[in-house]
Amino acid sequence: FCCLLFSILDYEYAKSDNAHAVREAKLFLINILIDLIKDYPIKGYLRQIDPVRTGILIWLENVLNSLDCDDAIAELMEKAVCSDEIFYTPDIAKRRSKKKKRR
C-alpha cells in the first residue's frame, strides 16, 4: 500500500526543493501503517513478505515488539522515513540508488 502511494508521490515531488513535502508524506504513510499494526498486531503477516526483503521484515518485527513504547516507535518511524528499502520495492530502490550516485 505505502509503496504504491509513495511511488506516485515520489514522481510528483521528484525535485530536491520538495524534500520537506516528501518527508511529511512519508511520515503520514508511516503513521497510517503504525496505526494499522496497532489495530492488528499479528506476527503472521510477516510470513507474507518475501524473505529477500530483510530490511522491512526486521523493521516490522521491531515495530510489533515495540508497540507499547512510544519512544521506540518514534525511532522506528524516523528510520523508515530515511530508508528507501522500507518505502520502495527492490527494483525502485536500486534505480533510486543509481540516480543518487550520479548526482
N, C-alpha and C. Protein backbone atom coordinates (compact mmCIF):
# COMPACT_ATOMS: atom_id res chain seq x y z
N PHE A 1 0.83 -1.19 0.00
CA PHE A 1 0.00 0.00 0.00
C PHE A 1 0.87 1.25 0.00
N CYS A 2 1.78 1.35 0.97
CA CYS A 2 2.66 2.52 1.05
C CYS A 2 3.55 2.63 -0.18
N CYS A 3 4.03 1.49 -0.67
CA CYS A 3 4.90 1.53 -1.86
C CYS A 3 4.16 2.15 -3.04
N LEU A 4 2.90 1.79 -3.22
CA LEU A 4 2.13 2.33 -4.35
C LEU A 4 1.89 3.82 -4.18
N LEU A 5 1.42 4.22 -3.01
CA LEU A 5 1.14 5.64 -2.79
C LEU A 5 2.41 6.48 -2.88
N PHE A 6 3.48 5.99 -2.29
CA PHE A 6 4.67 6.80 -2.27
C PHE A 6 5.33 6.88 -3.64
N SER A 7 5.19 5.84 -4.44
CA SER A 7 5.73 5.90 -5.81
C SER A 7 5.09 7.04 -6.59
N ILE A 8 3.79 7.20 -6.42
CA ILE A 8 3.09 8.31 -7.08
C ILE A 8 3.60 9.63 -6.52
N LEU A 9 3.69 9.73 -5.22
CA LEU A 9 4.15 10.96 -4.58
C LEU A 9 5.58 11.28 -4.99
N ASP A 10 6.43 10.28 -5.02
CA ASP A 10 7.84 10.50 -5.38
C ASP A 10 7.95 11.03 -6.81
N TYR A 11 7.11 10.57 -7.69
CA TYR A 11 7.10 11.07 -9.05
C TYR A 11 6.65 12.53 -9.08
N GLU A 12 5.64 12.86 -8.29
CA GLU A 12 5.11 14.22 -8.26
C GLU A 12 6.11 15.21 -7.65
N TYR A 13 6.88 14.76 -6.67
CA TYR A 13 7.78 15.65 -5.94
C TYR A 13 9.23 15.23 -6.11
N ALA A 14 9.65 15.02 -7.33
CA ALA A 14 10.99 14.50 -7.59
C ALA A 14 12.10 15.53 -7.39
N LYS A 15 11.77 16.79 -7.31
CA LYS A 15 12.79 17.83 -7.17
C LYS A 15 13.27 17.92 -5.73
N SER A 16 14.54 18.26 -5.55
CA SER A 16 15.12 18.32 -4.20
C SER A 16 14.53 19.44 -3.36
N ASP A 17 13.97 20.47 -3.98
CA ASP A 17 13.39 21.56 -3.20
C ASP A 17 12.06 21.15 -2.54
N ASN A 18 11.59 19.95 -2.85
CA ASN A 18 10.37 19.44 -2.24
C ASN A 18 10.67 18.38 -1.18
N ALA A 19 11.88 18.35 -0.69
CA ALA A 19 12.28 17.33 0.28
C ALA A 19 11.40 17.35 1.53
N HIS A 20 11.01 18.54 1.96
CA HIS A 20 10.16 18.63 3.14
C HIS A 20 8.79 17.99 2.88
N ALA A 21 8.22 18.22 1.72
CA ALA A 21 6.92 17.63 1.37
C ALA A 21 7.01 16.11 1.30
N VAL A 22 8.10 15.61 0.76
CA VAL A 22 8.30 14.16 0.67
C VAL A 22 8.43 13.57 2.07
N ARG A 23 9.19 14.23 2.93
CA ARG A 23 9.35 13.75 4.31
C ARG A 23 8.01 13.71 5.03
N GLU A 24 7.22 14.77 4.88
CA GLU A 24 5.91 14.83 5.53
C GLU A 24 4.99 13.73 4.99
N ALA A 25 5.06 13.46 3.70
CA ALA A 25 4.24 12.41 3.11
C ALA A 25 4.66 11.04 3.64
N LYS A 26 5.95 10.82 3.76
CA LYS A 26 6.43 9.55 4.32
C LYS A 26 5.95 9.39 5.76
N LEU A 27 6.05 10.45 6.55
CA LEU A 27 5.57 10.37 7.94
C LEU A 27 4.08 10.07 7.99
N PHE A 28 3.32 10.69 7.11
CA PHE A 28 1.88 10.42 7.04
C PHE A 28 1.62 8.94 6.77
N LEU A 29 2.29 8.38 5.77
CA LEU A 29 2.09 6.99 5.41
C LEU A 29 2.56 6.04 6.51
N ILE A 30 3.68 6.35 7.13
CA ILE A 30 4.17 5.51 8.23
C ILE A 30 3.20 5.55 9.41
N ASN A 31 2.65 6.72 9.69
CA ASN A 31 1.65 6.82 10.77
C ASN A 31 0.45 5.93 10.50
N ILE A 32 -0.02 5.91 9.25
CA ILE A 32 -1.14 5.03 8.89
C ILE A 32 -0.75 3.57 9.11
N LEU A 33 0.44 3.21 8.65
CA LEU A 33 0.90 1.83 8.81
C LEU A 33 1.02 1.45 10.28
N ILE A 34 1.58 2.33 11.10
CA ILE A 34 1.72 2.05 12.54
C ILE A 34 0.34 1.87 13.18
N ASP A 35 -0.61 2.73 12.81
CA ASP A 35 -1.97 2.59 13.34
C ASP A 35 -2.58 1.25 12.96
N LEU A 36 -2.37 0.83 11.72
CA LEU A 36 -2.89 -0.48 11.28
C LEU A 36 -2.23 -1.62 12.07
N ILE A 37 -0.94 -1.50 12.28
CA ILE A 37 -0.23 -2.54 13.04
C ILE A 37 -0.74 -2.58 14.48
N LYS A 38 -0.99 -1.41 15.08
CA LYS A 38 -1.52 -1.37 16.45
C LYS A 38 -2.90 -2.02 16.52
N ASP A 39 -3.71 -1.80 15.50
CA ASP A 39 -5.05 -2.39 15.48
C ASP A 39 -5.02 -3.89 15.23
N TYR A 40 -4.05 -4.35 14.44
CA TYR A 40 -3.94 -5.76 14.07
C TYR A 40 -2.50 -6.25 14.22
N PRO A 41 -2.02 -6.39 15.47
CA PRO A 41 -0.61 -6.76 15.70
C PRO A 41 -0.37 -8.27 15.57
N ILE A 42 -0.46 -8.77 14.36
CA ILE A 42 -0.32 -10.21 14.13
C ILE A 42 1.02 -10.49 13.44
N LYS A 43 1.86 -11.27 14.11
CA LYS A 43 3.17 -11.59 13.53
C LYS A 43 3.06 -12.46 12.29
N GLY A 44 1.93 -13.12 12.10
CA GLY A 44 1.73 -13.95 10.92
C GLY A 44 1.82 -13.16 9.62
N TYR A 45 1.57 -11.86 9.69
CA TYR A 45 1.68 -11.03 8.50
C TYR A 45 3.10 -11.03 7.94
N LEU A 46 4.07 -11.21 8.81
CA LEU A 46 5.47 -11.20 8.36
C LEU A 46 5.75 -12.32 7.37
N ARG A 47 5.01 -13.42 7.47
CA ARG A 47 5.21 -14.55 6.56
C ARG A 47 4.79 -14.21 5.13
N GLN A 48 3.99 -13.17 4.97
CA GLN A 48 3.51 -12.80 3.64
C GLN A 48 4.52 -11.95 2.87
N ILE A 49 5.55 -11.50 3.55
CA ILE A 49 6.57 -10.66 2.92
C ILE A 49 7.71 -11.54 2.43
N ASP A 50 8.16 -11.27 1.23
CA ASP A 50 9.25 -12.03 0.63
C ASP A 50 10.48 -11.99 1.54
N PRO A 51 11.06 -13.14 1.84
CA PRO A 51 12.24 -13.19 2.72
C PRO A 51 13.42 -12.36 2.22
N VAL A 52 13.45 -12.05 0.94
CA VAL A 52 14.51 -11.21 0.39
C VAL A 52 14.45 -9.80 0.98
N ARG A 53 13.27 -9.38 1.39
CA ARG A 53 13.07 -8.03 1.94
C ARG A 53 13.41 -8.00 3.43
N THR A 54 14.63 -8.37 3.76
CA THR A 54 15.04 -8.49 5.17
C THR A 54 14.92 -7.16 5.92
N GLY A 55 15.21 -6.05 5.26
CA GLY A 55 15.14 -4.76 5.94
C GLY A 55 13.75 -4.45 6.45
N ILE A 56 12.76 -4.66 5.62
CA ILE A 56 11.39 -4.38 6.03
C ILE A 56 10.89 -5.42 7.03
N LEU A 57 11.31 -6.67 6.88
CA LEU A 57 10.92 -7.70 7.84
C LEU A 57 11.44 -7.37 9.24
N ILE A 58 12.70 -6.99 9.31
CA ILE A 58 13.29 -6.64 10.61
C ILE A 58 12.60 -5.41 11.18
N TRP A 59 12.34 -4.42 10.34
CA TRP A 59 11.69 -3.20 10.80
C TRP A 59 10.29 -3.50 11.34
N LEU A 60 9.51 -4.28 10.59
CA LEU A 60 8.16 -4.61 11.03
C LEU A 60 8.16 -5.44 12.32
N GLU A 61 9.08 -6.36 12.43
CA GLU A 61 9.17 -7.15 13.65
C GLU A 61 9.53 -6.25 14.84
N ASN A 62 10.43 -5.30 14.63
CA ASN A 62 10.76 -4.35 15.69
C ASN A 62 9.55 -3.50 16.07
N VAL A 63 8.76 -3.10 15.09
CA VAL A 63 7.53 -2.34 15.38
C VAL A 63 6.59 -3.18 16.22
N LEU A 64 6.37 -4.43 15.81
CA LEU A 64 5.48 -5.32 16.57
C LEU A 64 5.95 -5.50 18.01
N ASN A 65 7.25 -5.58 18.20
CA ASN A 65 7.80 -5.78 19.54
C ASN A 65 7.85 -4.50 20.37
N SER A 66 7.63 -3.35 19.75
CA SER A 66 7.77 -2.06 20.43
C SER A 66 6.46 -1.28 20.55
N LEU A 67 5.34 -1.92 20.29
CA LEU A 67 4.07 -1.21 20.26
C LEU A 67 3.73 -0.48 21.56
N ASP A 68 4.26 -0.96 22.68
CA ASP A 68 3.97 -0.33 23.98
C ASP A 68 4.93 0.80 24.32
N CYS A 69 5.91 1.05 23.48
CA CYS A 69 6.94 2.05 23.78
C CYS A 69 6.93 3.15 22.71
N ASP A 70 6.36 4.29 23.06
CA ASP A 70 6.25 5.40 22.10
C ASP A 70 7.61 5.89 21.60
N ASP A 71 8.61 5.92 22.47
CA ASP A 71 9.94 6.38 22.05
C ASP A 71 10.54 5.45 21.00
N ALA A 72 10.40 4.15 21.21
CA ALA A 72 10.92 3.18 20.25
C ALA A 72 10.19 3.29 18.92
N ILE A 73 8.88 3.49 18.97
CA ILE A 73 8.09 3.65 17.73
C ILE A 73 8.53 4.90 17.00
N ALA A 74 8.78 5.98 17.72
CA ALA A 74 9.24 7.22 17.09
C ALA A 74 10.58 7.01 16.38
N GLU A 75 11.48 6.27 17.01
CA GLU A 75 12.78 5.98 16.40
C GLU A 75 12.60 5.11 15.14
N LEU A 76 11.72 4.13 15.22
CA LEU A 76 11.47 3.26 14.08
C LEU A 76 10.81 4.03 12.93
N MET A 77 9.95 4.98 13.27
CA MET A 77 9.34 5.81 12.23
C MET A 77 10.40 6.65 11.53
N GLU A 78 11.32 7.21 12.30
CA GLU A 78 12.40 8.01 11.72
C GLU A 78 13.28 7.15 10.82
N LYS A 79 13.56 5.95 11.27
CA LYS A 79 14.37 5.03 10.46
C LYS A 79 13.66 4.74 9.14
N ALA A 80 12.35 4.53 9.19
CA ALA A 80 11.59 4.24 7.98
C ALA A 80 11.59 5.42 7.02
N VAL A 81 11.44 6.62 7.55
CA VAL A 81 11.42 7.82 6.70
C VAL A 81 12.74 7.99 5.96
N CYS A 82 13.82 7.61 6.58
CA CYS A 82 15.15 7.76 5.97
C CYS A 82 15.53 6.58 5.07
N SER A 83 14.70 5.56 5.01
CA SER A 83 15.06 4.34 4.30
C SER A 83 14.33 4.20 2.97
N ASP A 84 15.09 3.98 1.91
CA ASP A 84 14.48 3.64 0.63
C ASP A 84 14.00 2.19 0.63
N GLU A 85 14.71 1.34 1.37
CA GLU A 85 14.39 -0.09 1.40
C GLU A 85 12.99 -0.36 1.96
N ILE A 86 12.56 0.45 2.91
CA ILE A 86 11.25 0.24 3.52
C ILE A 86 10.14 0.80 2.63
N PHE A 87 10.40 1.90 1.96
CA PHE A 87 9.36 2.55 1.17
C PHE A 87 9.22 2.05 -0.25
N TYR A 88 10.26 1.46 -0.79
CA TYR A 88 10.24 1.11 -2.21
C TYR A 88 10.44 -0.38 -2.42
N THR A 89 9.92 -0.86 -3.52
CA THR A 89 10.19 -2.23 -3.93
C THR A 89 11.68 -2.30 -4.29
N PRO A 90 12.27 -3.49 -4.29
CA PRO A 90 13.71 -3.60 -4.56
C PRO A 90 14.15 -2.98 -5.89
N ASP A 91 13.36 -3.13 -6.93
CA ASP A 91 13.77 -2.57 -8.23
C ASP A 91 13.76 -1.04 -8.20
N ILE A 92 12.80 -0.44 -7.54
CA ILE A 92 12.75 1.02 -7.44
C ILE A 92 13.89 1.52 -6.55
N ALA A 93 14.15 0.82 -5.45
CA ALA A 93 15.24 1.22 -4.55
C ALA A 93 16.58 1.18 -5.29
N LYS A 94 16.77 0.16 -6.12
CA LYS A 94 18.01 0.04 -6.89
C LYS A 94 18.13 1.20 -7.88
N ARG A 95 17.05 1.53 -8.55
CA ARG A 95 17.04 2.64 -9.51
C ARG A 95 17.33 3.96 -8.80
N ARG A 96 16.73 4.17 -7.62
CA ARG A 96 16.97 5.40 -6.87
C ARG A 96 18.43 5.48 -6.42
N SER A 97 18.99 4.35 -6.05
CA SER A 97 20.39 4.32 -5.62
C SER A 97 21.31 4.74 -6.77
N LYS A 98 21.02 4.27 -7.96
CA LYS A 98 21.83 4.64 -9.12
C LYS A 98 21.71 6.14 -9.41
N LYS A 99 20.52 6.69 -9.27
CA LYS A 99 20.30 8.12 -9.51
C LYS A 99 21.08 8.94 -8.49
N LYS A 100 21.08 8.49 -7.22
CA LYS A 100 21.80 9.23 -6.18
C LYS A 100 23.30 9.23 -6.43
N LYS A 101 23.83 8.12 -6.95
CA LYS A 101 25.26 8.02 -7.23
C LYS A 101 25.67 8.97 -8.37
N ARG A 102 24.76 9.17 -9.33
CA ARG A 102 25.07 10.05 -10.46
C ARG A 102 25.09 11.52 -10.06
N ARG A 103 24.39 11.89 -9.00
CA ARG A 103 24.32 13.30 -8.59
C ARG A 103 25.56 13.78 -7.99
